[in-house]
Every structure is written in C-alpha cells, then in structure tokens.
Amino acid sequence: MTDRPIYPNEGKPPTDERDNAAMLACPRFESCGANMCPKDRHLDYRTWYVGEDVCPMLEHRHLGFIRRQRQLNKRRSPSYANKLWTYQELAATAPQKRVLSAEQIARLKAMSRPFRFGKKANPTVAEVTMATRTATQAWVGWKHPV
C-alpha cells in the first residue's frame, strides 16, 4: 500500500446519510452506472474515464461536464482512453454555447431571407428560380479551406 490518497484532490469526502438522499431520490438510481451524478454533493471527489456511463437524465443534459462527457464518449480518442478525468477538468473543458450579437443575428437573417418561403403561402416561379439560382451560385463559388 502507498500513502497516496485515493481521491485526486487530496482527501476523502465526508460521509453522511443526508449526502445520498438526493441521489436516492433519482428515478434512475437503481439502474444508473454513471460515476459522476449531478445530484451528488461530493462531485468534486469523483473521477471518470472515457467510455464509462454518463448521467441519462434529460434534465441534466445542459450541464457543462455532462456535455463534455458525451463529447468525449462520442469521439473515443485514443489519447484520452486511459486519462482519469476529474469534475474540475470536465467542467473547465466543457463545450461552450455560441452566443451571437444582435448585429450577427441581423446579418444571418438578411443572408437567409431569399431561402425562406414561410412568409408567402405560394411563392411565384420567379421567386423559386431566384432563390435556387442564388443558392447554386453560393455553392459553386464556395471553396473548401485548405
């Protein structure tokens, strides 16, 4: 035996019956195999490997560390295969949602205007032709970045 602590952040979590009450209230507690439960009060002490189960509850899918776990499980990169992930690492490297400014939203709406037919019930042949031509020209002029 070594004197190294079991947990990566140098200590054991305090134990108490109240700690497990939130996890026991989860409807999937009995069948869930996730090491990192969002309802766990001591999430900072938990670790996770790529390929292990992730919390299946839809109400937790927006959490950053859950999104990162799903992303890593989807990619299954060999460089991360044997890496031990902590909650702090997963949360710090979580994918960020893209936030657009009002100017960017207006520009995207203006660019997509020729391709929307929801405003008119029956677009004319000329409108459909123009939208198709614009889309074709945009596609033909597009070059893959090298």
Protein backbone atom coordinates (compact mmCIF):
# COMPACT_ATOMS: atom_id res chain seq x y z
CA MET A 1 0.00 0.00 0.00
CA THR A 2 1.10 3.52 -0.71
CA ASP A 3 0.44 6.64 1.30
CA ARG A 4 -1.10 8.38 -1.68
CA PRO A 5 -4.73 9.47 -1.23
CA ILE A 6 -7.44 7.64 -3.11
CA TYR A 7 -9.00 10.83 -4.42
CA PRO A 8 -7.20 13.25 -6.74
CA ASN A 9 -7.90 16.33 -4.64
CA GLU A 10 -6.10 15.01 -1.58
CA GLY A 11 -8.80 13.69 0.69
CA LYS A 12 -11.89 11.62 1.18
CA PRO A 13 -15.37 13.08 1.03
CA PRO A 14 -17.17 13.34 4.36
CA THR A 15 -19.81 10.66 4.72
CA ASP A 16 -23.32 11.26 5.95
CA GLU A 17 -26.71 9.65 5.24
CA ARG A 18 -28.03 13.00 4.04
CA ASP A 19 -25.37 13.06 1.31
CA ASN A 20 -27.05 10.22 -0.60
CA ALA A 21 -30.65 11.42 -0.19
CA ALA A 22 -30.69 13.43 -3.43
CA MET A 23 -29.15 10.59 -5.41
CA LEU A 24 -31.56 8.04 -3.91
CA ALA A 25 -34.47 10.26 -4.98
CA CYS A 26 -33.37 9.99 -8.64
CA PRO A 27 -35.77 7.73 -10.60
CA ARG A 28 -32.86 6.01 -12.37
CA PHE A 29 -30.68 5.48 -9.31
CA GLU A 30 -31.02 1.69 -9.27
CA SER A 31 -30.08 1.18 -12.93
CA CYS A 32 -27.67 4.09 -13.42
CA GLY A 33 -23.97 3.33 -13.82
CA ALA A 34 -22.68 6.89 -14.00
CA ASN A 35 -19.74 7.66 -11.72
CA MET A 36 -20.48 11.37 -11.72
CA CYS A 37 -24.02 12.07 -10.59
CA PRO A 38 -25.10 15.72 -10.86
CA LYS A 39 -27.08 15.25 -7.65
CA ASP A 40 -24.00 14.15 -5.71
CA ARG A 41 -22.93 16.73 -3.13
CA HIS A 42 -19.34 15.49 -3.35
CA LEU A 43 -18.95 15.67 -7.11
CA ASP A 44 -15.51 17.23 -6.69
CA TYR A 45 -14.20 13.90 -5.38
CA ARG A 46 -15.46 11.77 -8.27
CA THR A 47 -13.44 10.64 -11.30
CA TRP A 48 -14.39 9.36 -14.73
CA TYR A 49 -12.76 7.52 -17.66
CA VAL A 50 -13.74 7.86 -21.32
CA GLY A 51 -16.17 5.07 -22.18
CA GLU A 52 -17.87 4.96 -18.80
CA ASP A 53 -21.56 5.74 -18.37
CA VAL A 54 -22.91 9.29 -18.35
CA CYS A 55 -25.99 10.51 -16.47
CA PRO A 56 -29.00 9.57 -18.66
CA MET A 57 -31.40 12.14 -17.18
CA LEU A 58 -32.56 14.74 -19.71
CA GLU A 59 -32.86 17.40 -17.03
CA HIS A 60 -29.06 17.36 -16.61
CA ARG A 61 -28.03 17.39 -20.28
CA HIS A 62 -27.34 21.16 -20.21
CA LEU A 63 -24.62 20.84 -17.56
CA GLY A 64 -21.15 21.52 -18.92
CA PHE A 65 -19.43 18.44 -17.52
CA ILE A 66 -22.21 16.17 -18.85
CA ARG A 67 -21.87 17.72 -22.33
CA ARG A 68 -18.08 17.18 -22.18
CA GLN A 69 -18.52 13.54 -21.12
CA ARG A 70 -20.88 12.91 -24.04
CA GLN A 71 -18.47 14.64 -26.42
CA LEU A 72 -15.52 12.53 -25.24
CA ASN A 73 -17.57 9.30 -25.41
CA LYS A 74 -18.61 10.14 -28.96
CA ARG A 75 -15.04 10.80 -30.16
CA ARG A 76 -13.31 7.97 -28.25
CA SER A 77 -9.89 9.50 -28.91
CA PRO A 78 -7.03 7.06 -28.14
CA SER A 79 -5.08 9.85 -26.45
CA TYR A 80 -7.82 10.16 -23.81
CA ALA A 81 -8.51 6.44 -23.46
CA ASN A 82 -6.66 5.96 -20.16
CA LYS A 83 -6.86 9.50 -18.83
CA LEU A 84 -8.54 9.95 -15.47
CA TRP A 85 -10.90 12.94 -15.64
CA THR A 86 -11.98 14.91 -12.59
CA TYR A 87 -15.08 17.06 -12.33
CA GLN A 88 -12.97 20.23 -12.48
CA GLU A 89 -11.27 19.15 -15.72
CA LEU A 90 -14.53 18.19 -17.38
CA ALA A 91 -16.21 21.44 -16.36
CA ALA A 92 -13.24 23.57 -17.48
CA THR A 93 -13.10 21.94 -20.94
CA ALA A 94 -16.88 21.79 -21.50
CA PRO A 95 -18.12 22.91 -24.92
CA GLN A 96 -19.40 26.46 -24.80
CA LYS A 97 -22.63 27.53 -26.43
CA ARG A 98 -22.22 30.04 -29.23
CA VAL A 99 -23.60 33.47 -28.43
CA LEU A 100 -24.35 35.78 -31.36
CA SER A 101 -24.51 39.55 -31.17
CA ALA A 102 -27.54 41.44 -32.46
CA GLU A 103 -25.50 42.53 -35.49
CA GLN A 104 -24.54 38.94 -36.35
CA ILE A 105 -28.16 37.77 -35.99
CA ALA A 106 -29.38 40.55 -38.30
CA ARG A 107 -26.71 39.67 -40.89
CA LEU A 108 -27.64 35.96 -40.79
CA LYS A 109 -31.34 36.79 -41.18
CA ALA A 110 -30.58 39.02 -44.16
CA MET A 111 -28.49 36.29 -45.78
CA SER A 112 -31.20 33.65 -45.31
CA ARG A 113 -34.10 35.84 -46.50
CA PRO A 114 -34.00 34.59 -50.14
CA PHE A 115 -34.29 30.99 -48.97
CA ARG A 116 -37.35 31.36 -46.74
CA PHE A 117 -40.75 30.68 -48.19
CA GLY A 118 -42.72 30.67 -44.94
CA LYS A 119 -43.98 34.26 -45.37
CA LYS A 120 -45.86 33.52 -48.60
CA ALA A 121 -48.14 30.55 -48.97
CA ASN A 122 -47.36 30.09 -52.68
CA PRO A 123 -44.12 31.61 -53.93
CA THR A 124 -44.03 32.52 -57.59
CA VAL A 125 -41.92 30.61 -60.09
CA ALA A 126 -39.61 33.61 -60.43
CA GLU A 127 -39.01 33.70 -56.65
CA VAL A 128 -38.24 29.99 -56.51
CA THR A 129 -35.92 30.30 -59.51
CA MET A 130 -34.11 33.28 -57.98
CA ALA A 131 -33.66 31.52 -54.63
CA THR A 132 -32.40 28.37 -56.36
CA ARG A 133 -30.02 30.36 -58.54
CA THR A 134 -28.69 32.26 -55.52
CA ALA A 135 -28.16 29.02 -53.60
CA THR A 136 -26.43 27.41 -56.60
CA GLN A 137 -24.15 30.39 -57.10
CA ALA A 138 -23.27 30.37 -53.42
CA TRP A 139 -22.47 26.65 -53.62
CA VAL A 140 -20.44 26.89 -56.83
CA GLY A 141 -18.44 29.85 -55.51
CA TRP A 142 -17.67 28.08 -52.26
CA LYS A 143 -14.17 26.64 -51.82
CA HIS A 144 -13.06 24.28 -49.10
CA PRO A 145 -10.50 25.92 -46.79
CA VAL A 146 -7.19 24.14 -47.16
